[in-house]
PDB file of all heavy atoms in Angstrom:
ATOM      1  N   LEU A   1       1.765  42.707 -24.074  1.00  0.00           N
ATOM      2  CA  LEU A   1       1.290  42.202 -22.790  1.00  0.00           C
ATOM      3  C   LEU A   1       0.273  43.163 -22.173  1.00  0.00           C
ATOM      4  O   LEU A   1       0.349  44.377 -22.381  1.00  0.00           O
ATOM      5  CB  LEU A   1       2.454  42.015 -21.818  1.00  0.00           C
ATOM      6  CG  LEU A   1       3.576  41.054 -22.229  1.00  0.00           C
ATOM      7  CD1 LEU A   1       4.598  40.948 -21.099  1.00  0.00           C
ATOM      8  CD2 LEU A   1       3.034  39.691 -22.600  1.00  0.00           C
ATOM      9  N   LEU A   2      -0.652  42.589 -21.391  1.00  0.00           N
ATOM     10  CA  LEU A   2      -1.611  43.401 -20.641  1.00  0.00           C
ATOM     11  C   LEU A   2      -1.300  43.371 -19.142  1.00  0.00           C
ATOM     12  O   LEU A   2      -2.077  43.875 -18.346  1.00  0.00           O
ATOM     13  CB  LEU A   2      -3.043  42.922 -20.894  1.00  0.00           C
ATOM     14  CG  LEU A   2      -3.529  43.071 -22.346  1.00  0.00           C
ATOM     15  CD1 LEU A   2      -4.997  42.694 -22.461  1.00  0.00           C
ATOM     16  CD2 LEU A   2      -3.315  44.489 -22.858  1.00  0.00           C
ATOM     17  N   GLU A   3      -0.196  42.759 -18.777  1.00  0.00           N
ATOM     18  CA  GLU A   3       0.378  42.858 -17.436  1.00  0.00           C
ATOM     19  C   GLU A   3       1.889  42.876 -17.616  1.00  0.00           C
ATOM     20  O   GLU A   3       2.430  42.102 -18.408  1.00  0.00           O
ATOM     21  CB  GLU A   3      -0.017  41.680 -16.544  1.00  0.00           C
ATOM     22  CG  GLU A   3      -1.441  41.741 -16.047  1.00  0.00           C
ATOM     23  CD  GLU A   3      -1.726  40.668 -14.995  1.00  0.00           C
ATOM     24  OE1 GLU A   3      -0.767  40.241 -14.299  1.00  0.00           O
ATOM     25  OE2 GLU A   3      -2.885  40.258 -14.880  1.00  0.00           O
ATOM     26  N   GLU A   4       2.543  43.725 -16.874  1.00  0.00           N
ATOM     27  CA  GLU A   4       3.989  43.865 -17.036  1.00  0.00           C
ATOM     28  C   GLU A   4       4.734  42.693 -16.403  1.00  0.00           C
ATOM     29  O   GLU A   4       4.344  42.180 -15.351  1.00  0.00           O
ATOM     30  CB  GLU A   4       4.464  45.169 -16.404  1.00  0.00           C
ATOM     31  CG  GLU A   4       5.922  45.500 -16.699  1.00  0.00           C
ATOM     32  CD  GLU A   4       6.283  46.929 -16.343  1.00  0.00           C
ATOM     33  OE1 GLU A   4       5.520  47.564 -15.590  1.00  0.00           O
ATOM     34  OE2 GLU A   4       7.321  47.407 -16.815  1.00  0.00           O
ATOM     35  N   ILE A   5       5.805  42.253 -17.057  1.00  0.00           N
ATOM     36  CA  ILE A   5       6.729  41.270 -16.496  1.00  0.00           C
ATOM     37  C   ILE A   5       8.072  41.963 -16.348  1.00  0.00           C
ATOM     38  O   ILE A   5       8.642  42.440 -17.324  1.00  0.00           O
ATOM     39  CB  ILE A   5       6.884  40.037 -17.411  1.00  0.00           C
ATOM     40  CG1 ILE A   5       5.533  39.325 -17.574  1.00  0.00           C
ATOM     41  CG2 ILE A   5       7.916  39.080 -16.831  1.00  0.00           C
ATOM     42  CD1 ILE A   5       5.607  38.118 -18.496  1.00  0.00           C
ATOM     43  N   GLN A   6       8.547  42.026 -15.120  1.00  0.00           N
ATOM     44  CA  GLN A   6       9.815  42.702 -14.868  1.00  0.00           C
ATOM     45  C   GLN A   6      10.926  42.055 -15.691  1.00  0.00           C
ATOM     46  O   GLN A   6      11.079  40.838 -15.704  1.00  0.00           O
ATOM     47  CB  GLN A   6      10.162  42.633 -13.381  1.00  0.00           C
ATOM     48  CG  GLN A   6       9.161  43.340 -12.480  1.00  0.00           C
ATOM     49  CD  GLN A   6       9.092  44.832 -12.734  1.00  0.00           C
ATOM     50  OE1 GLN A   6      10.089  45.465 -13.073  1.00  0.00           O
ATOM     51  NE2 GLN A   6       7.909  45.415 -12.571  1.00  0.00           N
ATOM     52  N   GLY A   7      11.700  42.888 -16.401  1.00  0.00           N
ATOM     53  CA  GLY A   7      12.834  42.404 -17.161  1.00  0.00           C
ATOM     54  C   GLY A   7      12.533  42.054 -18.598  1.00  0.00           C
ATOM     55  O   GLY A   7      13.456  41.805 -19.375  1.00  0.00           O
ATOM     56  N   VAL A   8      11.247  42.009 -18.976  1.00  0.00           N
ATOM     57  CA  VAL A   8      10.876  41.713 -20.367  1.00  0.00           C
ATOM     58  C   VAL A   8      10.509  43.030 -21.054  1.00  0.00           C
ATOM     59  O   VAL A   8       9.498  43.648 -20.736  1.00  0.00           O
ATOM     60  CB  VAL A   8       9.693  40.732 -20.448  1.00  0.00           C
ATOM     61  CG1 VAL A   8       9.303  40.480 -21.917  1.00  0.00           C
ATOM     62  CG2 VAL A   8      10.045  39.417 -19.768  1.00  0.00           C
ATOM     63  N   GLN A   9      11.367  43.471 -21.962  1.00  0.00           N
ATOM     64  CA  GLN A   9      11.131  44.712 -22.686  1.00  0.00           C
ATOM     65  C   GLN A   9      10.238  44.421 -23.891  1.00  0.00           C
ATOM     66  O   GLN A   9      10.640  43.730 -24.815  1.00  0.00           O
ATOM     67  CB  GLN A   9      12.460  45.320 -23.143  1.00  0.00           C
ATOM     68  CG  GLN A   9      13.374  45.717 -22.005  1.00  0.00           C
ATOM     69  CD  GLN A   9      12.742  46.745 -21.089  1.00  0.00           C
ATOM     70  OE1 GLN A   9      12.144  47.726 -21.547  1.00  0.00           O
ATOM     71  NE2 GLN A   9      12.863  46.541 -19.784  1.00  0.00           N
ATOM     72  N   CYS A  10       9.016  44.934 -23.853  1.00  0.00           N
ATOM     73  CA  CYS A  10       8.076  44.651 -24.940  1.00  0.00           C
ATOM     74  C   CYS A  10       6.934  45.655 -24.885  1.00  0.00           C
ATOM     75  O   CYS A  10       6.871  46.512 -23.994  1.00  0.00           O
ATOM     76  CB  CYS A  10       7.533  43.222 -24.818  1.00  0.00           C
ATOM     77  SG  CYS A  10       6.589  42.931 -23.310  1.00  0.00           S
ATOM     78  N   ASN A  11       6.014  45.548 -25.831  1.00  0.00           N
ATOM     79  CA  ASN A  11       4.831  46.399 -25.844  1.00  0.00           C
ATOM     80  C   ASN A  11       3.949  46.076 -24.635  1.00  0.00           C
ATOM     81  O   ASN A  11       3.839  44.918 -24.208  1.00  0.00           O
ATOM     82  CB  ASN A  11       4.029  46.176 -27.133  1.00  0.00           C
ATOM     83  CG  ASN A  11       4.820  46.557 -28.377  1.00  0.00           C
ATOM     84  OD1 ASN A  11       5.394  47.633 -28.450  1.00  0.00           O
ATOM     85  ND2 ASN A  11       4.860  45.662 -29.353  1.00  0.00           N
ATOM     86  N   LEU A  12       3.295  47.112 -24.099  1.00  0.00           N
ATOM     87  CA  LEU A  12       2.493  46.933 -22.889  1.00  0.00           C
ATOM     88  C   LEU A  12       1.341  47.925 -22.867  1.00  0.00           C
ATOM     89  O   LEU A  12       1.514  49.100 -23.182  1.00  0.00           O
ATOM     90  CB  LEU A  12       3.370  47.140 -21.647  1.00  0.00           C
ATOM     91  CG  LEU A  12       2.656  47.131 -20.292  1.00  0.00           C
ATOM     92  CD1 LEU A  12       2.246  45.713 -19.912  1.00  0.00           C
ATOM     93  CD2 LEU A  12       3.538  47.742 -19.205  1.00  0.00           C
ATOM     94  N   VAL A  13       0.164  47.436 -22.471  1.00  0.00           N
ATOM     95  CA  VAL A  13      -0.960  48.308 -22.116  1.00  0.00           C
ATOM     96  C   VAL A  13      -1.465  47.843 -20.755  1.00  0.00           C
ATOM     97  O   VAL A  13      -1.723  46.655 -20.545  1.00  0.00           O
ATOM     98  CB  VAL A  13      -2.100  48.244 -23.152  1.00  0.00           C
ATOM     99  CG1 VAL A  13      -3.319  49.019 -22.638  1.00  0.00           C
ATOM    100  CG2 VAL A  13      -1.657  48.810 -24.482  1.00  0.00           C
ATOM    101  N   ASP A  14      -1.594  48.753 -19.801  1.00  0.00           N
ATOM    102  CA  ASP A  14      -2.000  48.391 -18.451  1.00  0.00           C
ATOM    103  C   ASP A  14      -2.475  49.651 -17.747  1.00  0.00           C
ATOM    104  O   ASP A  14      -2.499  50.735 -18.338  1.00  0.00           O
ATOM    105  CB  ASP A  14      -0.818  47.757 -17.707  1.00  0.00           C
ATOM    106  CG  ASP A  14      -1.251  46.856 -16.553  1.00  0.00           C
ATOM    107  OD1 ASP A  14      -2.454  46.849 -16.213  1.00  0.00           O
ATOM    108  OD2 ASP A  14      -0.387  46.164 -15.984  1.00  0.00           O
ATOM    109  N   ILE A  15      -2.864  49.500 -16.491  1.00  0.00           N
ATOM    110  CA  ILE A  15      -3.081  50.662 -15.640  1.00  0.00           C
ATOM    111  C   ILE A  15      -1.998  50.665 -14.576  1.00  0.00           C
ATOM    112  O   ILE A  15      -1.273  49.679 -14.409  1.00  0.00           O
ATOM    113  CB  ILE A  15      -4.475  50.659 -14.983  1.00  0.00           C
ATOM    114  CG1 ILE A  15      -4.579  49.504 -13.955  1.00  0.00           C
ATOM    115  CG2 ILE A  15      -5.569  50.595 -16.013  1.00  0.00           C
ATOM    116  CD1 ILE A  15      -5.701  49.671 -12.982  1.00  0.00           C
ATOM    117  N   ASP A  16      -1.908  51.752 -13.847  1.00  0.00           N
ATOM    118  CA  ASP A  16      -1.000  51.813 -12.705  1.00  0.00           C
ATOM    119  C   ASP A  16      -1.754  51.244 -11.509  1.00  0.00           C
ATOM    120  O   ASP A  16      -2.472  51.950 -10.801  1.00  0.00           O
ATOM    121  CB  ASP A  16      -0.566  53.252 -12.452  1.00  0.00           C
ATOM    122  CG  ASP A  16       0.533  53.355 -11.394  1.00  0.00           C
ATOM    123  OD1 ASP A  16       0.613  52.448 -10.546  1.00  0.00           O
ATOM    124  OD2 ASP A  16       1.286  54.344 -11.422  1.00  0.00           O
ATOM    125  N   ASN A  17      -1.619  49.935 -11.301  1.00  0.00           N
ATOM    126  CA  ASN A  17      -2.367  49.257 -10.248  1.00  0.00           C
ATOM    127  C   ASN A  17      -1.982  49.743  -8.857  1.00  0.00           C
ATOM    128  O   ASN A  17      -2.828  49.830  -7.970  1.00  0.00           O
ATOM    129  CB  ASN A  17      -2.157  47.751 -10.358  1.00  0.00           C
ATOM    130  CG  ASN A  17      -2.956  47.129 -11.468  1.00  0.00           C
ATOM    131  OD1 ASN A  17      -4.135  46.836 -11.322  1.00  0.00           O
ATOM    132  ND2 ASN A  17      -2.314  46.923 -12.610  1.00  0.00           N
ATOM    133  N   VAL A  18      -0.704  50.016  -8.657  1.00  0.00           N
ATOM    134  CA  VAL A  18      -0.268  50.504  -7.345  1.00  0.00           C
ATOM    135  C   VAL A  18      -0.978  51.820  -7.023  1.00  0.00           C
ATOM    136  O   VAL A  18      -1.559  51.988  -5.941  1.00  0.00           O
ATOM    137  CB  VAL A  18       1.263  50.692  -7.309  1.00  0.00           C
ATOM    138  CG1 VAL A  18       1.694  51.289  -5.974  1.00  0.00           C
ATOM    139  CG2 VAL A  18       1.965  49.359  -7.552  1.00  0.00           C
ATOM    140  N   ARG A  19      -0.964  52.724  -7.977  1.00  0.00           N
ATOM    141  CA  ARG A  19      -1.599  54.027  -7.765  1.00  0.00           C
ATOM    142  C   ARG A  19      -3.099  53.893  -7.548  1.00  0.00           C
ATOM    143  O   ARG A  19      -3.679  54.538  -6.679  1.00  0.00           O
ATOM    144  CB  ARG A  19      -1.313  54.922  -8.973  1.00  0.00           C
ATOM    145  CG  ARG A  19      -1.956  56.288  -8.911  1.00  0.00           C
ATOM    146  CD  ARG A  19      -1.663  57.076 -10.162  1.00  0.00           C
ATOM    147  NE  ARG A  19      -2.360  58.357 -10.185  1.00  0.00           N
ATOM    148  CZ  ARG A  19      -2.369  59.193 -11.200  1.00  0.00           C
ATOM    149  NH1 ARG A  19      -1.693  58.884 -12.297  1.00  0.00           N
ATOM    150  NH2 ARG A  19      -3.014  60.332 -11.145  1.00  0.00           N
ATOM    151  N   ALA A  20      -3.761  53.025  -8.349  1.00  0.00           N
ATOM    152  CA  ALA A  20      -5.205  52.873  -8.255  1.00  0.00           C
ATOM    153  C   ALA A  20      -5.627  52.323  -6.896  1.00  0.00           C
ATOM    154  O   ALA A  20      -6.567  52.824  -6.262  1.00  0.00           O
ATOM    155  CB  ALA A  20      -5.700  51.962  -9.376  1.00  0.00           C
ATOM    156  N   LEU A  21      -4.930  51.284  -6.425  1.00  0.00           N
ATOM    157  CA  LEU A  21      -5.296  50.693  -5.132  1.00  0.00           C
ATOM    158  C   LEU A  21      -4.905  51.595  -3.973  1.00  0.00           C
ATOM    159  O   LEU A  21      -5.599  51.650  -2.954  1.00  0.00           O
ATOM    160  CB  LEU A  21      -4.660  49.315  -4.989  1.00  0.00           C
ATOM    161  CG  LEU A  21      -5.497  48.131  -5.469  1.00  0.00           C
ATOM    162  CD1 LEU A  21      -6.669  47.869  -4.512  1.00  0.00           C
ATOM    163  CD2 LEU A  21      -6.017  48.329  -6.889  1.00  0.00           C
ATOM    164  N   LYS A  22      -3.803  52.328  -4.111  1.00  0.00           N
ATOM    165  CA  LYS A  22      -3.424  53.278  -3.070  1.00  0.00           C
ATOM    166  C   LYS A  22      -4.502  54.354  -2.935  1.00  0.00           C
ATOM    167  O   LYS A  22      -4.903  54.712  -1.819  1.00  0.00           O
ATOM    168  CB  LYS A  22      -2.074  53.915  -3.384  1.00  0.00           C
ATOM    169  CG  LYS A  22      -1.635  54.919  -2.318  1.00  0.00           C
ATOM    170  CD  LYS A  22      -0.216  55.410  -2.540  1.00  0.00           C
ATOM    171  CE  LYS A  22      -0.157  56.407  -3.670  1.00  0.00           C
ATOM    172  NZ  LYS A  22       1.186  57.055  -3.740  1.00  0.00           N
ATOM    173  N   ARG A  23      -4.976  54.828  -4.070  1.00  0.00           N
ATOM    174  CA  ARG A  23      -6.008  55.862  -4.037  1.00  0.00           C
ATOM    175  C   ARG A  23      -7.274  55.343  -3.360  1.00  0.00           C
ATOM    176  O   ARG A  23      -7.893  56.042  -2.554  1.00  0.00           O
ATOM    177  CB  ARG A  23      -6.318  56.304  -5.468  1.00  0.00           C
ATOM    178  CG  ARG A  23      -7.383  57.381  -5.574  1.00  0.00           C
ATOM    179  CD  ARG A  23      -7.638  57.744  -7.026  1.00  0.00           C
ATOM    180  NE  ARG A  23      -8.721  58.716  -7.142  1.00  0.00           N
ATOM    181  CZ  ARG A  23      -9.273  59.080  -8.295  1.00  0.00           C
ATOM    182  NH1 ARG A  23      -8.812  58.574  -9.419  1.00  0.00           N
ATOM    183  NH2 ARG A  23     -10.265  59.949  -8.320  1.00  0.00           N
ATOM    184  N   ALA A  24      -7.676  54.112  -3.680  1.00  0.00           N
ATOM    185  CA  ALA A  24      -8.877  53.534  -3.084  1.00  0.00           C
ATOM    186  C   ALA A  24      -8.692  53.318  -1.584  1.00  0.00           C
ATOM    187  O   ALA A  24      -9.594  53.614  -0.782  1.00  0.00           O
ATOM    188  CB  ALA A  24      -9.210  52.215  -3.768  1.00  0.00           C
ATOM    189  N   ALA A  25      -7.519  52.800  -1.192  1.00  0.00           N
ATOM    190  CA  ALA A  25      -7.264  52.557   0.225  1.00  0.00           C
ATOM    191  C   ALA A  25      -7.219  53.866   1.008  1.00  0.00           C
ATOM    192  O   ALA A  25      -7.758  53.956   2.125  1.00  0.00           O
ATOM    193  CB  ALA A  25      -5.959  51.791   0.393  1.00  0.00           C
ATOM    194  N   LEU A  26      -6.592  54.888   0.435  1.00  0.00           N
ATOM    195  CA  LEU A  26      -6.551  56.187   1.111  1.00  0.00           C
ATOM    196  C   LEU A  26      -7.948  56.777   1.263  1.00  0.00           C
ATOM    197  O   LEU A  26      -8.266  57.403   2.286  1.00  0.00           O
ATOM    198  CB  LEU A  26      -5.650  57.157   0.333  1.00  0.00           C
ATOM    199  CG  LEU A  26      -4.144  56.966   0.519  1.00  0.00           C
ATOM    200  CD1 LEU A  26      -3.364  57.879  -0.422  1.00  0.00           C
ATOM    201  CD2 LEU A  26      -3.737  57.230   1.972  1.00  0.00           C
ATOM    202  N   TYR A  27      -8.789  56.577   0.249  1.00  0.00           N
ATOM    203  CA  TYR A  27     -10.169  57.054   0.361  1.00  0.00           C
ATOM    204  C   TYR A  27     -10.847  56.417   1.574  1.00  0.00           C
ATOM    205  O   TYR A  27     -11.514  57.102   2.375  1.00  0.00           O
ATOM    206  CB  TYR A  27     -10.958  56.741  -0.909  1.00  0.00           C
ATOM    207  CG  TYR A  27     -12.447  56.900  -0.712  1.00  0.00           C
ATOM    208  CD1 TYR A  27     -13.044  58.157  -0.741  1.00  0.00           C
ATOM    209  CD2 TYR A  27     -13.251  55.783  -0.433  1.00  0.00           C
ATOM    210  CE1 TYR A  27     -14.408  58.310  -0.515  1.00  0.00           C
ATOM    211  CE2 TYR A  27     -14.612  55.931  -0.210  1.00  0.00           C
ATOM    212  CZ  TYR A  27     -15.178  57.192  -0.243  1.00  0.00           C
ATOM    213  OH  TYR A  27     -16.523  57.337  -0.010  1.00  0.00           O
ATOM    214  N   LEU A  28     -10.690  55.101   1.734  1.00  0.00           N
ATOM    215  CA  LEU A  28     -11.335  54.402   2.842  1.00  0.00           C
ATOM    216  C   LEU A  28     -10.736  54.818   4.184  1.00  0.00           C
ATOM    217  O   LEU A  28     -11.459  54.997   5.172  1.00  0.00           O
ATOM    218  CB  LEU A  28     -11.200  52.889   2.644  1.00  0.00           C
ATOM    219  CG  LEU A  28     -12.007  52.315   1.469  1.00  0.00           C
ATOM    220  CD1 LEU A  28     -11.606  50.865   1.194  1.00  0.00           C
ATOM    221  CD2 LEU A  28     -13.509  52.412   1.742  1.00  0.00           C
ATOM    222  N   ILE A  29      -9.414  54.986   4.220  1.00  0.00           N
ATOM    223  CA  ILE A  29      -8.766  55.414   5.464  1.00  0.00           C
ATOM    224  C   ILE A  29      -9.247  56.805   5.853  1.00  0.00           C
ATOM    225  O   ILE A  29      -9.586  57.071   7.020  1.00  0.00           O
ATOM    226  CB  ILE A  29      -7.240  55.369   5.315  1.00  0.00           C
ATOM    227  CG1 ILE A  29      -6.755  53.916   5.218  1.00  0.00           C
ATOM    228  CG2 ILE A  29      -6.557  56.077   6.485  1.00  0.00           C
ATOM    229  CD1 ILE A  29      -5.286  53.768   4.845  1.00  0.00           C
ATOM    230  N   GLU A  30      -9.302  57.699   4.883  1.00  0.00           N
ATOM    231  CA  GLU A  30      -9.751  59.069   5.153  1.00  0.00           C
ATOM    232  C   GLU A  30     -11.230  59.112   5.507  1.00  0.00           C
ATOM    233  O   GLU A  30     -11.699  60.062   6.148  1.00  0.00           O
ATOM    234  CB  GLU A  30      -9.458  59.950   3.944  1.00  0.00           C
ATOM    235  CG  GLU A  30      -7.960  60.196   3.742  1.00  0.00           C
ATOM    236  CD  GLU A  30      -7.634  60.788   2.392  1.00  0.00           C
ATOM    237  OE1 GLU A  30      -8.586  61.013   1.595  1.00  0.00           O
ATOM    238  OE2 GLU A  30      -6.441  61.010   2.114  1.00  0.00           O
ATOM    239  N   ALA A  31     -11.977  58.076   5.110  1.00  0.00           N
ATOM    240  CA  ALA A  31     -13.391  57.985   5.465  1.00  0.00           C
ATOM    241  C   ALA A  31     -13.581  57.413   6.865  1.00  0.00           C
ATOM    242  O   ALA A  31     -14.715  57.192   7.302  1.00  0.00           O
ATOM    243  CB  ALA A  31     -14.139  57.126   4.449  1.00  0.00           C
ATOM    244  N   GLY A  32     -12.475  57.176   7.571  1.00  0.00           N
ATOM    245  CA  GLY A  32     -12.550  56.747   8.967  1.00  0.00           C
ATOM    246  C   GLY A  32     -12.289  55.279   9.209  1.00  0.00           C
ATOM    247  O   GLY A  32     -12.361  54.812  10.350  1.00  0.00           O
ATOM    248  N   HIS A  33     -11.959  54.525   8.163  1.00  0.00           N
ATOM    249  CA  HIS A  33     -11.735  53.081   8.325  1.00  0.00           C
ATOM    250  C   HIS A  33     -10.279  52.829   8.721  1.00  0.00           C
ATOM    251  O   HIS A  33      -9.408  52.638   7.878  1.00  0.00           O
ATOM    252  CB  HIS A  33     -12.083  52.356   7.026  1.00  0.00           C
ATOM    253  CG  HIS A  33     -13.529  52.443   6.662  1.00  0.00           C
ATOM    254  ND1 HIS A  33     -14.494  51.662   7.257  1.00  0.00           N
ATOM    255  CD2 HIS A  33     -14.175  53.249   5.774  1.00  0.00           C
ATOM    256  CE1 HIS A  33     -15.687  51.971   6.737  1.00  0.00           C
ATOM    257  NE2 HIS A  33     -15.512  52.929   5.851  1.00  0.00           N
ATOM    258  N   GLU A  34     -10.054  52.829  10.030  1.00  0.00           N
ATOM    259  CA  GLU A  34      -8.695  52.620  10.528  1.00  0.00           C
ATOM    260  C   GLU A  34      -8.317  51.137  10.548  1.00  0.00           C
ATOM    261  O   GLU A  34      -7.144  50.801  10.659  1.00  0.00           O
ATOM    262  CB  GLU A  34      -8.555  53.220  11.926  1.00  0.00           C
ATOM    263  CG  GLU A  34      -8.747  54.739  11.929  1.00  0.00           C
ATOM    264  CD  GLU A  34      -8.486  55.348  13.290  1.00  0.00           C
ATOM    265  OE1 GLU A  34      -8.197  54.575  14.245  1.00  0.00           O
ATOM    266  OE2 GLU A  34      -8.550  56.579  13.405  1.00  0.00           O
ATOM    267  N   ASN A  35      -9.316  50.278  10.458  1.00  0.00           N
ATOM    268  CA  ASN A  35      -9.059  48.836  10.407  1.00  0.00           C
ATOM    269  C   ASN A  35      -9.491  48.334   9.027  1.00  0.00           C
ATOM    270  O   ASN A  35     -10.609  47.881   8.825  1.00  0.00           O
ATOM    271  CB  ASN A  35      -9.817  48.107  11.516  1.00  0.00           C
ATOM    272  CG  ASN A  35      -9.390  46.649  11.643  1.00  0.00           C
ATOM    273  OD1 ASN A  35      -8.573  46.154  10.867  1.00  0.00           O
ATOM    274  ND2 ASN A  35      -9.956  45.953  12.621  1.00  0.00           N
TER     275      ASN A  35
END
């Protein structure tokens, strides 16, 4: 799979989407975007 399905144990290749989007959002927040 190229996206994880909770509860299905199998081979997987993906990125850590939570971490990637958190990093991007924090960058924007730290750049002054409070909204």
